N, C-alpha and C. Protein backbone atom coordinates (compact mmCIF):
# COMPACT_ATOMS: atom_id res chain seq x y z
N MET A 1 -15.69 -16.10 8.79
CA MET A 1 -14.31 -16.34 8.39
C MET A 1 -13.80 -15.30 7.43
N ILE A 2 -12.44 -14.82 7.67
CA ILE A 2 -12.04 -13.85 6.73
C ILE A 2 -11.04 -14.57 5.75
N TYR A 3 -11.36 -14.34 4.40
CA TYR A 3 -10.48 -14.89 3.43
C TYR A 3 -9.72 -13.79 2.87
N LYS A 4 -8.35 -14.12 2.83
CA LYS A 4 -7.38 -13.07 2.26
C LYS A 4 -6.25 -13.79 1.66
N TYR A 5 -5.60 -12.99 0.80
CA TYR A 5 -4.43 -13.52 0.03
C TYR A 5 -3.23 -13.64 0.97
N LYS A 6 -2.46 -14.71 0.78
CA LYS A 6 -1.31 -14.83 1.55
C LYS A 6 -0.35 -13.65 1.21
N LYS A 7 -0.29 -13.25 0.03
CA LYS A 7 0.49 -12.19 -0.45
C LYS A 7 -0.59 -11.13 -0.94
N PRO A 8 -0.67 -10.15 -0.19
CA PRO A 8 -1.77 -9.11 -0.49
C PRO A 8 -1.39 -8.17 -1.72
N HIS A 9 -2.36 -7.61 -2.20
CA HIS A 9 -2.15 -6.47 -3.35
C HIS A 9 -1.65 -5.39 -2.78
N LYS A 10 -0.55 -4.75 -3.30
CA LYS A 10 -0.01 -3.56 -3.07
C LYS A 10 -0.88 -2.44 -3.71
N HIS A 11 -1.26 -1.42 -3.06
CA HIS A 11 -2.15 -0.36 -3.62
C HIS A 11 -1.15 0.44 -4.57
N LEU A 12 -1.72 0.69 -5.71
CA LEU A 12 -1.05 1.61 -6.62
C LEU A 12 -2.04 2.68 -7.16
N SER A 13 -1.64 3.81 -7.39
CA SER A 13 -2.63 4.82 -7.77
C SER A 13 -2.67 4.99 -9.35
N GLN A 14 -3.88 5.26 -9.69
CA GLN A 14 -3.94 5.22 -11.22
C GLN A 14 -3.60 6.62 -11.70
N MET A 15 -3.25 6.62 -13.07
CA MET A 15 -3.06 7.75 -13.76
C MET A 15 -4.42 8.15 -14.25
N LYS A 16 -4.64 9.38 -14.63
CA LYS A 16 -6.01 9.94 -15.03
C LYS A 16 -6.57 8.89 -16.09
N SER A 17 -7.85 8.52 -15.71
CA SER A 17 -8.69 7.61 -16.51
C SER A 17 -8.16 6.27 -16.56
N PHE A 18 -7.22 5.86 -15.84
CA PHE A 18 -6.51 4.48 -16.02
C PHE A 18 -6.97 3.60 -14.87
N CYS A 19 -8.12 3.61 -14.24
CA CYS A 19 -8.43 2.71 -13.10
C CYS A 19 -8.35 1.13 -13.62
N TRP A 20 -8.55 0.93 -14.89
CA TRP A 20 -8.35 -0.53 -15.25
C TRP A 20 -7.00 -0.91 -15.55
N PRO A 21 -6.22 -0.07 -16.22
CA PRO A 21 -4.70 -0.44 -16.17
C PRO A 21 -4.08 -0.51 -14.77
N ALA A 22 -4.54 0.35 -14.01
CA ALA A 22 -3.92 0.26 -12.53
C ALA A 22 -4.38 -0.95 -11.85
N SER A 23 -5.51 -1.48 -12.13
CA SER A 23 -6.04 -2.59 -11.34
C SER A 23 -5.23 -3.85 -12.09
N VAL A 24 -5.04 -3.89 -13.36
CA VAL A 24 -4.15 -4.99 -13.96
C VAL A 24 -2.80 -4.89 -13.33
N GLN A 25 -2.17 -3.72 -13.32
CA GLN A 25 -0.82 -3.45 -12.83
C GLN A 25 -0.77 -3.96 -11.37
N MET A 26 -1.77 -3.86 -10.57
CA MET A 26 -1.59 -4.24 -9.10
C MET A 26 -1.65 -5.89 -9.13
N ILE A 27 -2.48 -6.42 -9.93
CA ILE A 27 -2.48 -7.88 -10.05
C ILE A 27 -1.13 -8.48 -10.46
N LEU A 28 -0.74 -7.91 -11.54
CA LEU A 28 0.70 -8.34 -12.10
C LEU A 28 1.72 -8.11 -11.01
N PHE A 29 1.58 -7.08 -10.34
CA PHE A 29 2.73 -6.86 -9.30
C PHE A 29 2.54 -7.73 -8.12
N ARG A 30 1.40 -8.10 -7.76
CA ARG A 30 1.23 -9.06 -6.62
C ARG A 30 1.95 -10.41 -7.11
N ASN A 31 1.89 -10.58 -8.39
CA ASN A 31 2.51 -11.85 -8.89
C ASN A 31 3.84 -11.75 -9.43
N ASP A 32 4.59 -10.79 -8.99
CA ASP A 32 6.01 -10.45 -9.30
C ASP A 32 6.33 -10.18 -10.68
N VAL A 33 5.32 -9.45 -11.38
CA VAL A 33 5.51 -8.96 -12.76
C VAL A 33 5.34 -7.50 -12.60
N TRP A 34 6.33 -6.67 -12.96
CA TRP A 34 6.18 -5.12 -12.97
C TRP A 34 6.13 -4.64 -14.37
N VAL A 35 5.18 -3.76 -14.61
CA VAL A 35 4.88 -3.28 -15.99
C VAL A 35 4.35 -1.78 -15.53
N GLU A 36 5.01 -0.65 -16.16
CA GLU A 36 4.76 0.56 -15.91
C GLU A 36 3.19 0.79 -16.48
N GLN A 37 2.47 1.53 -15.62
CA GLN A 37 1.06 1.67 -15.91
C GLN A 37 0.81 2.30 -17.35
N GLU A 38 1.47 3.32 -17.69
CA GLU A 38 1.31 4.08 -18.83
C GLU A 38 1.53 3.16 -20.14
N GLN A 39 2.73 2.41 -19.89
CA GLN A 39 3.03 1.47 -21.02
C GLN A 39 1.93 0.30 -21.17
N LEU A 40 1.60 -0.17 -20.06
CA LEU A 40 0.56 -1.12 -20.06
C LEU A 40 -0.78 -0.62 -20.80
N ALA A 41 -1.16 0.59 -20.48
CA ALA A 41 -2.32 1.20 -21.00
C ALA A 41 -2.03 1.34 -22.47
N PHE A 42 -0.92 1.87 -22.91
CA PHE A 42 -0.62 2.00 -24.33
C PHE A 42 -0.69 0.85 -25.13
N ASP A 43 -0.15 -0.24 -24.58
CA ASP A 43 0.00 -1.49 -25.34
C ASP A 43 -1.34 -2.13 -25.49
N LEU A 44 -2.28 -1.76 -24.59
CA LEU A 44 -3.67 -2.18 -24.68
C LEU A 44 -4.63 -1.19 -25.51
N TRP A 45 -3.99 -0.24 -26.25
CA TRP A 45 -4.65 0.76 -26.98
C TRP A 45 -5.67 1.47 -26.28
N VAL A 46 -5.45 1.92 -25.14
CA VAL A 46 -6.26 2.66 -24.38
C VAL A 46 -6.45 4.16 -25.09
N ILE A 47 -7.61 4.59 -25.24
CA ILE A 47 -7.75 5.99 -25.75
C ILE A 47 -8.04 6.95 -24.78
N ILE A 48 -7.42 8.23 -24.90
CA ILE A 48 -7.60 9.11 -23.93
C ILE A 48 -8.33 10.29 -24.45
N GLU A 49 -8.79 11.31 -23.67
CA GLU A 49 -9.36 12.49 -24.01
C GLU A 49 -8.35 13.55 -24.44
N GLU A 50 -8.60 14.31 -25.36
CA GLU A 50 -7.62 15.36 -25.94
C GLU A 50 -7.15 16.21 -24.75
N LYS A 51 -8.06 16.66 -23.84
CA LYS A 51 -7.79 17.68 -22.79
C LYS A 51 -6.67 17.00 -21.76
N ASN A 52 -6.60 15.61 -21.77
CA ASN A 52 -5.61 15.06 -20.74
C ASN A 52 -4.30 14.72 -21.36
N LYS A 53 -3.97 15.03 -22.63
CA LYS A 53 -2.87 14.54 -23.34
C LYS A 53 -1.48 14.98 -22.58
N GLU A 54 -1.56 16.08 -21.90
CA GLU A 54 -0.31 16.50 -21.15
C GLU A 54 0.02 15.60 -19.93
N PHE A 55 -0.88 14.80 -19.65
CA PHE A 55 -0.54 13.91 -18.43
C PHE A 55 0.32 12.71 -18.80
N TYR A 56 0.25 12.45 -20.11
CA TYR A 56 1.05 11.28 -20.71
C TYR A 56 2.32 11.51 -21.42
N ASN A 57 3.24 10.59 -21.41
CA ASN A 57 4.49 10.64 -22.27
C ASN A 57 4.18 10.00 -23.68
N LEU A 58 3.42 8.88 -23.58
CA LEU A 58 3.40 8.04 -24.80
C LEU A 58 2.38 8.72 -25.85
N PRO A 59 2.31 8.41 -26.97
CA PRO A 59 1.39 8.95 -28.01
C PRO A 59 0.09 8.27 -28.19
N PHE A 60 -0.68 8.30 -27.06
CA PHE A 60 -2.06 7.68 -27.11
C PHE A 60 -2.92 8.25 -28.12
N LYS A 61 -3.83 7.46 -28.77
CA LYS A 61 -4.85 7.83 -29.67
C LYS A 61 -5.69 8.76 -28.85
N ARG A 62 -6.21 9.89 -29.29
CA ARG A 62 -7.00 10.86 -28.54
C ARG A 62 -8.25 11.06 -29.06
N LEU A 63 -9.34 11.31 -28.31
CA LEU A 63 -10.64 11.73 -28.88
C LEU A 63 -11.01 12.94 -28.23
N THR A 64 -12.10 13.63 -28.77
CA THR A 64 -12.49 14.97 -28.23
C THR A 64 -13.02 14.86 -26.89
N ASP A 65 -12.89 15.72 -26.00
CA ASP A 65 -13.25 15.71 -24.57
C ASP A 65 -14.61 15.45 -24.52
N GLY A 66 -14.86 14.46 -23.51
CA GLY A 66 -16.31 14.00 -23.23
C GLY A 66 -16.69 12.85 -24.05
N ASP A 67 -15.90 12.43 -25.04
CA ASP A 67 -16.48 11.39 -26.03
C ASP A 67 -16.30 10.17 -25.20
N PRO A 68 -17.56 9.49 -24.98
CA PRO A 68 -17.51 8.18 -24.16
C PRO A 68 -16.79 7.01 -24.85
N LEU A 69 -16.43 7.14 -26.09
CA LEU A 69 -15.72 6.12 -26.68
C LEU A 69 -14.42 5.85 -26.08
N HIS A 70 -13.79 6.92 -25.21
CA HIS A 70 -12.54 6.62 -24.71
C HIS A 70 -12.55 5.79 -23.57
N TRP A 71 -13.71 5.63 -22.87
CA TRP A 71 -13.63 4.87 -21.69
C TRP A 71 -13.72 3.36 -22.08
N PHE A 72 -12.87 2.53 -21.26
CA PHE A 72 -12.68 1.07 -21.46
C PHE A 72 -13.89 0.40 -21.00
N LYS A 73 -14.56 -0.31 -22.07
CA LYS A 73 -15.76 -1.04 -21.85
C LYS A 73 -15.43 -2.30 -21.25
N PHE A 74 -16.22 -2.92 -20.42
CA PHE A 74 -15.98 -4.16 -19.80
C PHE A 74 -15.63 -5.46 -20.78
N TYR A 75 -16.54 -5.29 -21.83
CA TYR A 75 -16.45 -6.33 -22.87
C TYR A 75 -15.08 -6.38 -23.63
N PHE A 76 -14.32 -5.21 -23.48
CA PHE A 76 -12.96 -5.17 -24.16
C PHE A 76 -12.05 -6.25 -23.48
N PHE A 77 -12.31 -6.73 -22.30
CA PHE A 77 -11.56 -7.88 -21.72
C PHE A 77 -11.56 -9.13 -22.62
N GLU A 78 -12.51 -9.19 -23.27
CA GLU A 78 -12.66 -10.50 -24.16
C GLU A 78 -12.06 -10.34 -25.49
N SER A 79 -11.62 -9.27 -25.79
CA SER A 79 -10.99 -9.11 -27.01
C SER A 79 -9.65 -9.90 -27.19
N GLU A 80 -9.38 -10.39 -28.53
CA GLU A 80 -8.18 -11.15 -28.61
C GLU A 80 -6.86 -10.39 -28.28
N GLN A 81 -6.82 -9.02 -28.64
CA GLN A 81 -5.61 -8.24 -28.17
C GLN A 81 -5.36 -8.34 -26.83
N ILE A 82 -6.32 -8.09 -26.02
CA ILE A 82 -6.26 -8.16 -24.51
C ILE A 82 -5.95 -9.54 -23.93
N VAL A 83 -6.66 -10.43 -24.39
CA VAL A 83 -6.47 -11.79 -23.97
C VAL A 83 -4.90 -12.30 -24.26
N ASN A 84 -4.57 -11.95 -25.52
CA ASN A 84 -3.15 -12.31 -25.86
C ASN A 84 -2.04 -11.57 -25.03
N MET A 85 -2.23 -10.33 -24.78
CA MET A 85 -1.36 -9.60 -23.90
C MET A 85 -1.31 -10.01 -22.48
N ILE A 86 -2.46 -10.28 -21.91
CA ILE A 86 -2.42 -10.99 -20.63
C ILE A 86 -1.72 -12.24 -20.56
N ALA A 87 -1.83 -13.04 -21.63
CA ALA A 87 -1.30 -14.27 -21.80
C ALA A 87 0.22 -14.18 -21.87
N ASP A 88 0.73 -13.03 -22.47
CA ASP A 88 2.11 -12.78 -22.64
C ASP A 88 2.73 -12.50 -21.15
N TYR A 89 1.95 -12.02 -20.34
CA TYR A 89 2.46 -11.77 -18.94
C TYR A 89 2.27 -13.13 -18.02
N GLY A 90 1.67 -14.10 -18.60
CA GLY A 90 1.59 -15.40 -17.95
C GLY A 90 0.37 -15.73 -17.21
N PHE A 91 -0.71 -15.02 -17.79
CA PHE A 91 -1.99 -15.21 -17.10
C PHE A 91 -3.22 -15.51 -18.15
N SER A 92 -4.09 -16.22 -17.70
CA SER A 92 -5.38 -16.38 -18.47
C SER A 92 -6.45 -15.69 -17.68
N ILE A 93 -7.45 -15.18 -18.34
CA ILE A 93 -8.48 -14.40 -17.79
C ILE A 93 -9.84 -15.14 -18.23
N SER A 94 -10.84 -14.94 -17.17
CA SER A 94 -12.14 -15.32 -17.33
C SER A 94 -13.13 -14.09 -17.23
N VAL A 95 -13.87 -13.67 -18.16
CA VAL A 95 -14.78 -12.56 -17.99
C VAL A 95 -16.13 -13.07 -17.68
N ILE A 96 -16.55 -12.64 -16.59
CA ILE A 96 -17.83 -13.12 -16.00
C ILE A 96 -18.81 -11.86 -15.77
N TYR A 97 -19.95 -12.04 -16.71
CA TYR A 97 -20.87 -10.81 -16.67
C TYR A 97 -21.86 -10.98 -15.37
N HIS A 98 -22.33 -9.82 -14.94
CA HIS A 98 -23.31 -9.73 -13.74
C HIS A 98 -24.37 -10.93 -13.87
N PRO A 99 -25.17 -11.05 -14.91
CA PRO A 99 -26.08 -12.11 -14.88
C PRO A 99 -25.69 -13.49 -14.84
N ASP A 100 -24.48 -13.66 -15.14
CA ASP A 100 -23.92 -15.17 -15.10
C ASP A 100 -23.25 -15.48 -13.72
N ILE A 101 -23.22 -14.44 -12.83
CA ILE A 101 -22.76 -14.83 -11.56
C ILE A 101 -23.92 -15.29 -10.69
N ASN A 102 -23.97 -16.65 -10.53
CA ASN A 102 -24.94 -17.29 -9.75
C ASN A 102 -24.75 -17.05 -8.28
N ASN A 103 -23.56 -17.26 -7.81
CA ASN A 103 -23.28 -17.16 -6.41
C ASN A 103 -21.99 -16.39 -6.14
N PHE A 104 -22.17 -15.04 -6.00
CA PHE A 104 -21.04 -14.13 -5.85
C PHE A 104 -20.10 -14.49 -4.77
N GLU A 105 -20.62 -14.89 -3.55
CA GLU A 105 -19.88 -15.22 -2.41
C GLU A 105 -18.90 -16.38 -2.73
N ASP A 106 -19.56 -17.55 -3.34
CA ASP A 106 -18.73 -18.61 -3.72
C ASP A 106 -17.66 -18.23 -4.59
N LEU A 107 -17.92 -17.43 -5.63
CA LEU A 107 -16.95 -17.08 -6.67
C LEU A 107 -15.83 -16.39 -5.98
N ILE A 108 -16.12 -15.34 -5.01
CA ILE A 108 -15.07 -14.70 -4.36
C ILE A 108 -14.28 -15.54 -3.46
N ILE A 109 -14.81 -16.33 -2.71
CA ILE A 109 -14.04 -17.30 -1.88
C ILE A 109 -13.25 -18.14 -2.50
N LYS A 110 -13.71 -18.87 -3.75
CA LYS A 110 -12.93 -19.70 -4.42
C LYS A 110 -11.79 -19.06 -5.24
N THR A 111 -12.13 -17.74 -5.70
CA THR A 111 -11.02 -17.00 -6.26
C THR A 111 -9.77 -16.81 -5.30
N ILE A 112 -10.06 -16.50 -4.07
CA ILE A 112 -9.06 -16.12 -3.11
C ILE A 112 -8.41 -17.41 -2.69
N GLU A 113 -9.12 -18.53 -2.47
CA GLU A 113 -8.55 -19.72 -2.02
C GLU A 113 -7.70 -20.38 -2.95
N ASP A 114 -7.97 -20.09 -4.36
CA ASP A 114 -7.20 -20.71 -5.37
C ASP A 114 -6.10 -19.68 -5.77
N ASP A 115 -5.99 -18.62 -5.04
CA ASP A 115 -4.87 -17.52 -5.20
C ASP A 115 -4.95 -16.97 -6.62
N ARG A 116 -6.22 -16.84 -7.07
CA ARG A 116 -6.41 -16.11 -8.48
C ARG A 116 -6.71 -14.65 -7.90
N ASP A 117 -6.83 -13.83 -8.98
CA ASP A 117 -7.07 -12.35 -8.64
C ASP A 117 -8.39 -11.95 -9.40
N MET A 118 -9.04 -11.00 -8.82
CA MET A 118 -10.37 -10.52 -9.40
C MET A 118 -10.36 -8.93 -9.55
N ILE A 119 -10.75 -8.56 -10.73
CA ILE A 119 -11.09 -7.07 -10.93
C ILE A 119 -12.61 -7.08 -11.18
N ILE A 120 -13.22 -5.97 -10.40
CA ILE A 120 -14.58 -5.92 -10.37
C ILE A 120 -14.88 -4.52 -10.95
N ASN A 121 -15.89 -4.49 -11.96
CA ASN A 121 -16.32 -3.42 -12.75
C ASN A 121 -17.71 -3.14 -12.25
N TYR A 122 -17.97 -1.85 -11.75
CA TYR A 122 -19.26 -1.53 -11.17
C TYR A 122 -19.52 0.00 -11.55
N LYS A 123 -20.88 0.40 -11.30
CA LYS A 123 -21.29 1.74 -11.40
C LYS A 123 -20.92 2.50 -10.29
N ARG A 124 -20.05 3.58 -10.50
CA ARG A 124 -19.34 4.35 -9.46
C ARG A 124 -20.36 5.04 -8.53
N ALA A 125 -21.31 5.70 -9.09
CA ALA A 125 -22.31 6.47 -8.48
C ALA A 125 -23.07 5.71 -7.32
N TRP A 126 -23.10 4.25 -7.58
CA TRP A 126 -23.95 3.33 -6.64
C TRP A 126 -23.13 3.08 -5.35
N ILE A 127 -21.90 3.33 -5.44
CA ILE A 127 -21.05 2.90 -4.18
C ILE A 127 -20.36 4.23 -3.61
N ARG A 128 -20.41 4.24 -2.28
CA ARG A 128 -19.87 5.51 -1.69
C ARG A 128 -18.30 5.73 -2.12
N TRP A 129 -17.67 6.72 -1.83
CA TRP A 129 -16.44 7.17 -2.37
C TRP A 129 -16.39 7.75 -3.72
N ASN A 130 -17.47 7.51 -4.37
CA ASN A 130 -17.39 7.91 -5.89
C ASN A 130 -18.33 8.98 -6.18
N ASP A 131 -17.94 10.03 -6.80
CA ASP A 131 -18.87 11.13 -7.16
C ASP A 131 -19.17 11.15 -8.67
N TYR A 132 -18.52 10.16 -9.40
CA TYR A 132 -18.78 10.19 -10.90
C TYR A 132 -19.92 9.36 -11.11
N LYS A 133 -20.55 9.60 -12.34
CA LYS A 133 -21.71 8.76 -12.78
C LYS A 133 -21.29 7.56 -13.57
N GLY A 134 -19.91 7.44 -13.98
CA GLY A 134 -19.44 6.43 -14.76
C GLY A 134 -19.24 5.20 -14.15
N TRP A 135 -18.45 4.25 -14.63
CA TRP A 135 -18.14 3.11 -14.03
C TRP A 135 -16.68 3.00 -13.50
N HIS A 136 -16.26 1.94 -12.88
CA HIS A 136 -14.90 1.97 -12.12
C HIS A 136 -14.47 0.58 -12.09
N TYR A 137 -13.12 0.39 -11.96
CA TYR A 137 -12.51 -0.83 -11.61
C TYR A 137 -11.76 -0.93 -10.39
N VAL A 138 -12.01 -1.99 -9.63
CA VAL A 138 -11.32 -2.14 -8.42
C VAL A 138 -10.81 -3.61 -8.26
N VAL A 139 -9.82 -3.86 -7.39
CA VAL A 139 -9.32 -5.20 -7.17
C VAL A 139 -9.75 -5.88 -5.84
N LEU A 140 -10.26 -7.03 -5.95
CA LEU A 140 -10.74 -7.87 -4.75
C LEU A 140 -9.44 -7.96 -3.77
N SER A 141 -9.67 -7.73 -2.50
CA SER A 141 -8.58 -7.69 -1.52
C SER A 141 -8.82 -8.80 -0.61
N SER A 142 -10.03 -8.89 0.06
CA SER A 142 -10.32 -9.94 0.95
C SER A 142 -11.78 -9.97 1.13
N TYR A 143 -12.30 -11.08 1.93
CA TYR A 143 -13.81 -11.29 2.10
C TYR A 143 -13.94 -11.77 3.48
N ASP A 144 -15.04 -11.03 4.10
CA ASP A 144 -15.42 -11.52 5.60
C ASP A 144 -16.74 -12.24 5.36
N SER A 145 -16.74 -13.50 5.47
CA SER A 145 -17.99 -14.27 5.19
C SER A 145 -19.06 -14.17 6.31
N ASP A 146 -18.53 -13.79 7.49
CA ASP A 146 -19.50 -13.56 8.56
C ASP A 146 -20.26 -12.18 8.52
N LYS A 147 -19.62 -11.12 8.03
CA LYS A 147 -20.26 -9.87 7.81
C LYS A 147 -20.77 -9.75 6.28
N LYS A 148 -20.47 -10.72 5.46
CA LYS A 148 -20.90 -10.66 4.03
C LYS A 148 -20.41 -9.29 3.40
N GLU A 149 -19.07 -9.24 3.59
CA GLU A 149 -18.65 -7.90 3.24
C GLU A 149 -17.25 -8.16 2.47
N LEU A 150 -16.96 -7.46 1.34
CA LEU A 150 -15.65 -7.63 0.71
C LEU A 150 -14.88 -6.33 0.83
N THR A 151 -13.55 -6.51 0.81
CA THR A 151 -12.64 -5.32 0.90
C THR A 151 -12.02 -5.31 -0.57
N VAL A 152 -12.02 -3.96 -0.99
CA VAL A 152 -11.33 -3.91 -2.38
C VAL A 152 -10.16 -2.85 -2.28
N CYS A 153 -9.26 -3.08 -3.28
CA CYS A 153 -8.12 -2.21 -3.36
C CYS A 153 -8.59 -1.22 -4.52
N ASP A 154 -8.58 0.10 -4.22
CA ASP A 154 -9.18 1.09 -5.23
C ASP A 154 -7.97 1.88 -5.78
N PRO A 155 -7.68 1.84 -7.09
CA PRO A 155 -6.70 2.80 -7.47
C PRO A 155 -6.94 4.18 -7.51
N THR A 156 -8.23 4.72 -7.54
CA THR A 156 -8.54 6.20 -7.55
C THR A 156 -7.95 6.92 -6.37
N PRO A 157 -7.39 8.19 -6.49
CA PRO A 157 -7.04 9.06 -5.30
C PRO A 157 -8.43 9.67 -4.72
N ARG A 158 -9.56 9.40 -5.26
CA ARG A 158 -10.78 9.88 -4.71
C ARG A 158 -11.28 9.13 -3.63
N ALA A 159 -10.79 7.93 -3.20
CA ALA A 159 -11.19 6.99 -2.36
C ALA A 159 -10.12 6.42 -1.45
N PRO A 160 -10.38 5.94 -0.30
CA PRO A 160 -9.38 5.34 0.42
C PRO A 160 -8.73 4.18 -0.30
N ASN A 161 -7.48 3.76 -0.07
CA ASN A 161 -6.82 2.77 -0.79
C ASN A 161 -7.55 1.43 -0.69
N TYR A 162 -7.99 1.11 0.45
CA TYR A 162 -8.87 -0.08 0.63
C TYR A 162 -10.02 0.27 1.34
N TRP A 163 -11.21 -0.36 0.96
CA TRP A 163 -12.48 -0.04 1.55
C TRP A 163 -13.34 -1.22 1.51
N ASN A 164 -14.38 -1.27 2.43
CA ASN A 164 -15.31 -2.48 2.50
C ASN A 164 -16.65 -2.03 1.89
N VAL A 165 -17.29 -3.04 1.43
CA VAL A 165 -18.52 -2.84 0.85
C VAL A 165 -19.42 -4.20 1.11
N PRO A 166 -20.57 -4.11 1.43
CA PRO A 166 -21.37 -5.28 1.55
C PRO A 166 -21.42 -6.08 0.18
N LEU A 167 -21.45 -7.34 0.23
CA LEU A 167 -21.48 -8.22 -0.88
C LEU A 167 -22.66 -7.75 -1.79
N SER A 168 -23.81 -7.70 -1.14
CA SER A 168 -25.07 -7.51 -1.92
C SER A 168 -25.00 -6.03 -2.76
N GLU A 169 -24.34 -5.15 -2.00
CA GLU A 169 -24.29 -3.77 -2.54
C GLU A 169 -23.36 -3.83 -3.88
N MET A 170 -22.32 -4.51 -3.84
CA MET A 170 -21.28 -4.57 -4.92
C MET A 170 -22.02 -5.36 -5.97
N LYS A 171 -22.65 -6.46 -5.76
CA LYS A 171 -23.27 -7.24 -6.79
C LYS A 171 -24.38 -6.27 -7.53
N GLU A 172 -25.12 -5.61 -6.74
CA GLU A 172 -26.18 -4.62 -7.32
C GLU A 172 -25.48 -3.65 -8.22
N ALA A 173 -24.26 -3.08 -7.74
CA ALA A 173 -23.61 -1.96 -8.57
C ALA A 173 -23.09 -2.42 -9.90
N MET A 174 -23.06 -3.67 -10.08
CA MET A 174 -22.69 -4.35 -11.47
C MET A 174 -23.83 -4.44 -12.42
N SER A 175 -25.07 -4.28 -11.88
CA SER A 175 -26.23 -4.47 -12.87
C SER A 175 -26.42 -3.52 -13.97
N TRP A 176 -26.96 -4.05 -15.03
CA TRP A 176 -27.27 -3.06 -16.20
C TRP A 176 -28.38 -2.16 -15.91
N LYS A 177 -29.20 -2.37 -14.82
CA LYS A 177 -30.31 -1.52 -14.67
C LYS A 177 -30.05 0.03 -14.36
N TRP A 178 -28.71 0.51 -13.97
CA TRP A 178 -28.31 1.69 -13.71
C TRP A 178 -28.15 2.59 -14.97
N ASP A 179 -27.69 1.98 -16.00
CA ASP A 179 -27.40 2.74 -17.28
C ASP A 179 -27.66 1.83 -18.50
N GLY A 180 -28.06 0.64 -18.33
CA GLY A 180 -28.07 -0.24 -19.57
C GLY A 180 -26.93 -0.91 -19.84
N ARG A 181 -25.74 -0.82 -19.09
CA ARG A 181 -24.38 -1.37 -19.48
C ARG A 181 -24.15 -2.46 -18.53
N GLU A 182 -23.90 -3.69 -18.88
CA GLU A 182 -23.57 -4.81 -18.12
C GLU A 182 -22.11 -4.86 -17.70
N ARG A 183 -21.92 -5.19 -16.39
CA ARG A 183 -20.57 -5.23 -15.90
C ARG A 183 -20.37 -6.49 -15.33
N GLY A 184 -19.43 -6.71 -14.54
CA GLY A 184 -19.02 -7.96 -13.92
C GLY A 184 -17.68 -8.08 -13.30
N VAL A 185 -17.03 -9.25 -13.39
CA VAL A 185 -15.73 -9.42 -12.82
C VAL A 185 -14.84 -10.11 -13.89
N VAL A 186 -13.51 -9.86 -13.75
CA VAL A 186 -12.56 -10.52 -14.43
C VAL A 186 -11.57 -11.32 -13.54
N VAL A 187 -11.58 -12.66 -13.79
CA VAL A 187 -10.75 -13.41 -12.87
C VAL A 187 -9.39 -13.71 -13.59
N PHE A 188 -8.19 -13.37 -12.94
CA PHE A 188 -6.96 -13.74 -13.59
C PHE A 188 -6.35 -14.93 -12.84
N GLU A 189 -5.96 -15.94 -13.67
CA GLU A 189 -5.18 -17.13 -13.13
C GLU A 189 -3.81 -17.21 -13.79
N LYS A 190 -2.93 -17.34 -12.93
CA LYS A 190 -1.42 -17.57 -13.43
C LYS A 190 -1.34 -18.85 -14.21
N ASN A 191 -0.80 -18.87 -15.32
CA ASN A 191 -0.62 -20.01 -16.15
C ASN A 191 0.64 -20.87 -15.43
N THR A 192 0.53 -22.12 -15.45
CA THR A 192 1.69 -22.96 -14.94
C THR A 192 2.53 -23.49 -16.04
């Protein structure tokens, strides 16, 4: 059986280093909330690399090139600032780390059936389409329970807008074993 959203996610491309703001932007847009990606990133205190400053109009905090502190860490989703900002847009979020996902398939199916949204954070080099060694954020688009395969909406211009990946492969890509960093999923639920 194929599980998909009645109103699908529209693909939006990320600005440089903004895979997670673009993912949040796609979720908000699917739920009829429009926010400019750069403004969303700025409001969430995204830090950029000095070499990329010409790509942006807003005065982002900058770090030296290659400084790993500029990358958005998965646990940042738990910060009060981000939780409150997402709430301002009418959503609550649940951050679920890789070891706490007991049944990934059930979580995906329930998320789609309940019309909630999911951002997945994984190690890029583990999944095709990616040639970076870092991590990446994508949005769950659909799930085929017969093939045990999910489709994601990917904001990077380096990959197809939508691509399929085996459930087991995506779950494995979230593991700490690749670089000692735990990743997982963030589930967005619209507040009533």
